[in-house]
Protein backbone atom coordinates (compact mmCIF):
# COMPACT_ATOMS: atom_id res chain seq x y z
CA MET A 1 19.72 -10.11 29.07
CA THR A 2 20.58 -7.70 26.26
CA PRO A 3 22.33 -9.51 23.39
CA ASP A 4 25.92 -8.47 22.71
CA ARG A 5 27.14 -6.96 19.44
CA SER A 6 27.92 -10.28 17.77
CA GLU A 7 24.55 -11.74 18.76
CA ARG A 8 22.73 -8.68 17.43
CA ASP A 9 24.66 -8.89 14.17
CA GLY A 10 23.66 -12.53 13.92
CA VAL A 11 19.98 -11.76 14.43
CA ARG A 12 20.14 -9.00 11.80
CA ALA A 13 21.78 -11.34 9.28
CA ARG A 14 19.16 -14.02 9.91
CA PHE A 15 16.28 -11.57 9.43
CA LEU A 16 17.80 -10.29 6.20
CA ALA A 17 18.14 -13.87 4.97
CA VAL A 18 14.43 -14.63 5.44
CA GLY A 19 13.10 -11.24 4.37
CA ALA A 20 10.00 -9.25 5.20
CA SER A 21 7.42 -11.53 3.56
CA ALA A 22 8.38 -14.64 5.54
CA ALA A 23 8.51 -12.55 8.72
CA ALA A 24 5.05 -11.16 7.93
CA ASP A 25 3.67 -14.69 7.52
CA ALA A 26 5.20 -15.67 10.85
CA LEU A 27 3.68 -12.62 12.53
CA ASP A 28 0.26 -13.60 11.16
CA GLU A 29 0.60 -17.09 12.64
CA PHE A 30 1.26 -15.55 16.06
CA GLY A 31 -1.82 -13.33 15.76
CA LEU A 32 0.21 -10.18 15.13
CA THR A 33 -1.71 -9.27 12.00
CA ASP A 34 -1.21 -5.50 11.81
CA GLN A 35 2.56 -5.07 11.91
CA GLY A 36 3.07 -4.05 8.29
CA VAL A 37 4.13 -0.48 7.53
CA HIS A 38 2.15 1.46 4.92
CA PRO A 39 3.43 0.84 1.38
CA GLY A 40 3.78 4.59 0.96
CA LEU A 41 6.97 4.23 2.99
CA SER A 42 9.38 2.82 0.43
CA ALA A 43 13.08 2.49 -0.33
CA LEU A 44 14.79 5.80 -1.09
CA SER A 45 18.45 4.87 -0.68
CA GLY A 46 20.78 2.04 0.21
CA GLU A 47 19.83 -1.57 0.65
CA ARG A 48 17.57 -3.09 3.30
CA PRO A 49 17.23 -1.46 6.73
CA ALA A 50 17.16 -4.10 9.45
CA GLY A 51 17.77 -3.51 13.13
CA TRP A 52 16.41 -2.56 16.51
CA ALA A 53 14.14 0.47 16.61
CA PHE A 54 15.49 3.74 17.97
CA THR A 55 12.41 5.93 17.98
CA VAL A 56 12.28 9.68 17.34
CA ALA A 57 9.05 11.67 17.83
CA GLY A 58 8.37 15.12 16.43
CA ALA A 59 5.68 17.64 15.60
CA MET A 60 4.92 20.43 13.16
CA THR A 61 5.35 23.63 15.16
CA PRO A 62 6.85 27.02 14.28
CA TYR A 63 9.85 28.01 16.41
CA GLU A 64 12.68 30.50 16.50
CA GLY A 65 16.35 29.69 16.11
CA THR A 66 18.70 28.06 13.69
CA GLY A 67 18.65 24.48 14.90
CA ASP A 68 16.89 21.76 16.87
CA PRO A 69 18.93 20.70 19.94
CA ALA A 70 16.58 17.79 20.69
CA LYS A 71 17.20 16.40 17.22
CA MET A 72 20.94 16.59 17.74
CA ARG A 73 20.65 14.82 21.11
CA ALA A 74 18.66 12.01 19.50
CA CYS A 75 21.28 11.64 16.77
CA ALA A 76 23.99 11.34 19.41
CA GLU A 77 22.17 8.65 21.39
CA ILE A 78 21.51 6.02 18.71
CA GLY A 79 23.54 2.84 18.98
CA ALA A 80 25.03 0.05 16.90
CA GLY A 81 22.60 -2.17 15.03
CA GLU A 82 19.73 0.30 15.44
CA VAL A 83 17.37 1.77 12.84
CA SER A 84 16.04 5.24 13.59
CA VAL A 85 12.24 5.44 13.29
CA TRP A 86 10.97 8.98 12.68
CA ALA A 87 7.35 9.89 13.40
CA GLY A 88 5.41 13.08 13.90
CA ASN A 89 2.75 13.84 11.27
CA GLY A 90 4.95 16.25 9.35
CA GLU A 91 3.93 17.28 5.87
CA GLY A 92 6.06 18.83 3.17
CA VAL A 93 9.25 19.16 5.20
CA CYS A 94 12.33 17.00 5.56
CA TYR A 95 13.01 15.14 8.83
CA PHE A 96 16.12 13.32 7.68
CA GLY A 97 19.08 13.98 5.36
CA GLU A 98 22.70 13.18 4.61
CA LEU A 99 24.42 14.79 7.60
CA ILE A 100 22.07 13.15 10.11
CA ALA A 101 22.65 9.83 8.35
CA LEU A 102 26.42 10.23 8.53
CA GLY A 103 26.29 11.14 12.21
CA MET A 104 24.09 8.17 13.03
CA ALA A 105 26.11 5.80 10.85
CA GLY A 106 29.21 6.86 12.76
CA ARG A 107 27.54 5.49 15.89
CA GLY A 108 26.73 2.19 14.18
CA SER A 109 23.18 2.90 13.01
CA VAL A 110 22.15 0.64 10.13
CA GLY A 111 19.29 2.59 8.56
CA ALA A 112 16.26 4.81 8.95
CA LEU A 113 12.50 4.42 8.60
CA VAL A 114 11.02 7.89 8.11
CA ASP A 115 7.26 8.47 8.21
CA GLY A 116 7.88 11.87 6.69
CA GLY A 117 10.29 13.66 4.39
CA VAL A 118 13.84 12.82 3.31
CA ARG A 119 16.29 14.91 1.32
CA ASP A 120 19.88 14.65 0.03
CA LEU A 121 18.98 11.46 -1.82
CA ARG A 122 21.91 11.66 -4.23
CA GLN A 123 24.33 11.82 -1.32
CA LEU A 124 22.51 9.18 0.72
CA ARG A 125 22.64 6.83 -2.26
CA ALA A 126 26.34 7.53 -2.76
CA HIS A 127 26.95 6.58 0.88
CA GLY A 128 24.71 3.52 0.56
CA PHE A 129 22.86 4.38 3.77
CA PRO A 130 19.54 2.45 3.90
CA VAL A 131 16.48 4.74 4.16
CA PHE A 132 12.78 4.02 3.77
CA GLY A 133 10.71 7.21 3.65
CA ARG A 134 7.21 8.46 2.93
CA TYR A 135 8.15 11.32 0.63
CA ARG A 136 11.09 13.41 -0.52
CA SER A 137 11.37 17.14 0.07
CA PRO A 138 14.14 19.74 -0.17
CA VAL A 139 12.42 21.89 2.49
CA GLN A 140 14.28 21.79 5.81
CA SER A 141 12.55 21.19 9.13
CA ILE A 142 14.26 24.04 11.03
CA GLY A 143 11.62 26.49 12.20
CA ARG A 144 8.82 24.18 10.99
CA TRP A 145 9.12 20.69 12.56
CA ARG A 146 11.00 19.74 15.67
CA VAL A 147 11.87 16.65 17.67
CA THR A 148 9.79 16.29 20.83
CA GLY A 149 11.40 13.16 22.27
CA ALA A 150 13.30 9.96 21.64
CA GLN A 151 13.17 6.35 22.76
CA ARG A 152 9.47 6.30 23.53
CA PRO A 153 6.59 4.61 21.66
CA VAL A 154 5.72 6.28 18.35
CA ARG A 155 3.20 5.56 15.61
CA VAL A 156 3.90 5.15 11.90
CA ARG A 157 1.34 4.63 9.16
CA GLY A 158 0.23 1.02 8.79
CA ALA A 159 -0.53 -1.28 5.88
CA THR A 160 -3.64 -2.99 7.33
CA THR A 161 -4.41 -0.57 10.13
CA ARG A 162 -4.17 3.19 10.36
CA TRP A 163 -1.17 3.14 12.68
CA VAL A 164 1.52 0.72 13.80
CA THR A 165 3.06 1.40 17.19
CA VAL A 166 6.84 1.15 17.30
CA ARG A 167 8.58 0.80 20.65
CA PRO A 168 12.28 1.04 21.44
CA GLY A 169 13.76 -2.41 21.00
CA ASP A 170 11.24 -3.62 18.42
CA PHE A 171 12.82 -4.98 15.25
CA VAL A 172 12.48 -3.04 11.99
CA LEU A 173 12.75 -5.15 8.83
CA ALA A 174 12.44 -3.60 5.37
CA ASP A 175 13.29 -4.93 1.95
CA GLU A 176 12.02 -4.98 -1.63
CA ASP A 177 8.57 -6.14 -0.44
CA GLY A 178 8.10 -3.39 2.15
CA ALA A 179 8.62 -2.77 5.85
CA LEU A 180 7.27 -4.25 9.06
CA ILE A 181 7.76 -4.08 12.81
CA VAL A 182 8.42 -7.15 14.95
CA PRO A 183 7.54 -6.51 18.61
CA GLY A 184 10.61 -6.86 20.83
CA PRO A 185 9.27 -9.70 23.04
CA ARG A 186 8.44 -11.78 19.94
CA ILE A 187 11.67 -11.35 17.98
CA ASP A 188 13.14 -14.79 18.72
CA ARG A 189 9.94 -16.75 18.01
CA VAL A 190 9.05 -14.80 14.89
CA LEU A 191 12.56 -15.18 13.49
CA ALA A 192 12.65 -18.92 14.14
CA ARG A 193 9.25 -19.45 12.50
CA ALA A 194 10.18 -17.24 9.53
CA GLU A 195 13.24 -19.44 8.99
CA GLU A 196 11.04 -22.55 9.02
CA LEU A 197 8.70 -20.99 6.48
CA THR A 198 11.64 -20.00 4.29
CA ARG A 199 12.97 -23.56 4.29
CA ALA A 200 9.52 -24.85 3.30
CA GLU A 201 9.31 -22.33 0.46
CA ASP A 202 12.78 -23.34 -0.69
CA GLY A 203 11.55 -26.94 -0.89
CA VAL A 204 8.52 -25.99 -2.98
CA ARG A 205 10.64 -23.86 -5.29
CA GLU A 206 13.09 -26.67 -5.83
CA ALA A 207 10.24 -29.11 -6.55
CA ILE A 208 8.63 -26.78 -9.10
CA LEU A 209 11.93 -26.20 -10.84
CA GLY A 210 12.37 -29.98 -10.84
CA GLY A 211 9.15 -30.47 -12.77
CA MET A 212 6.34 -30.77 -10.21
CA SER A 213 3.17 -28.81 -10.84
CA LEU A 214 2.03 -26.17 -8.38
CA GLN A 215 -0.95 -28.34 -7.40
CA GLU A 216 1.32 -31.33 -6.79
CA CYS A 217 3.50 -29.14 -4.60
CA LEU A 218 0.50 -27.90 -2.63
CA ASP A 219 -0.63 -31.48 -2.13
CA ALA A 220 2.84 -32.49 -0.99
CA PHE A 221 3.88 -29.49 1.07
CA GLY A 222 0.64 -27.70 1.92
CA HIS A 223 0.18 -23.95 1.60
CA VAL A 224 3.31 -21.88 2.03
């Protein structure tokens, strides 16, 4: 059963509370060891993107005309609590900018993960829209790069493997430590384990601040 809006908001808030590092440790424990996104994709605007993946695929290809209808359709289909994930091996051109962000935000989107170019950073930052991107570029995509489809599996550059596959309904979590992808069927278990790990880390932190040595904490709590 698809969770309702309040349930999705609750899951997002819980993921943001534990953060990407605890989620990454939980993924490792479940044998999902290659879910980290390449560190070259970093924060460009806003705070931390966190939400269900809405995938957008594209390709570098010359074309005639003054716009990309497929891109506009994708922008109109995203839903509340979703993070758009842009993929397509583009180089040097912008996939994503202010007006796309505003259109998606108006439909409830909560961020973007762009394995490509972003522009309009001053405006994006003024709006506070969360974007992780691979590079910045003022060069528009029209006539150079176009959307080839949406809501199908895409690949973004990985941290420990060349590519990470992102499927519609996976969970995108990005913060100061980087970005990762939680496979949709594992969201509940990964989140619950990440919360357990976070509570354990909180205990170690409190003990250290209370005067215990790191070795004493490791002896008492084990590795965290």
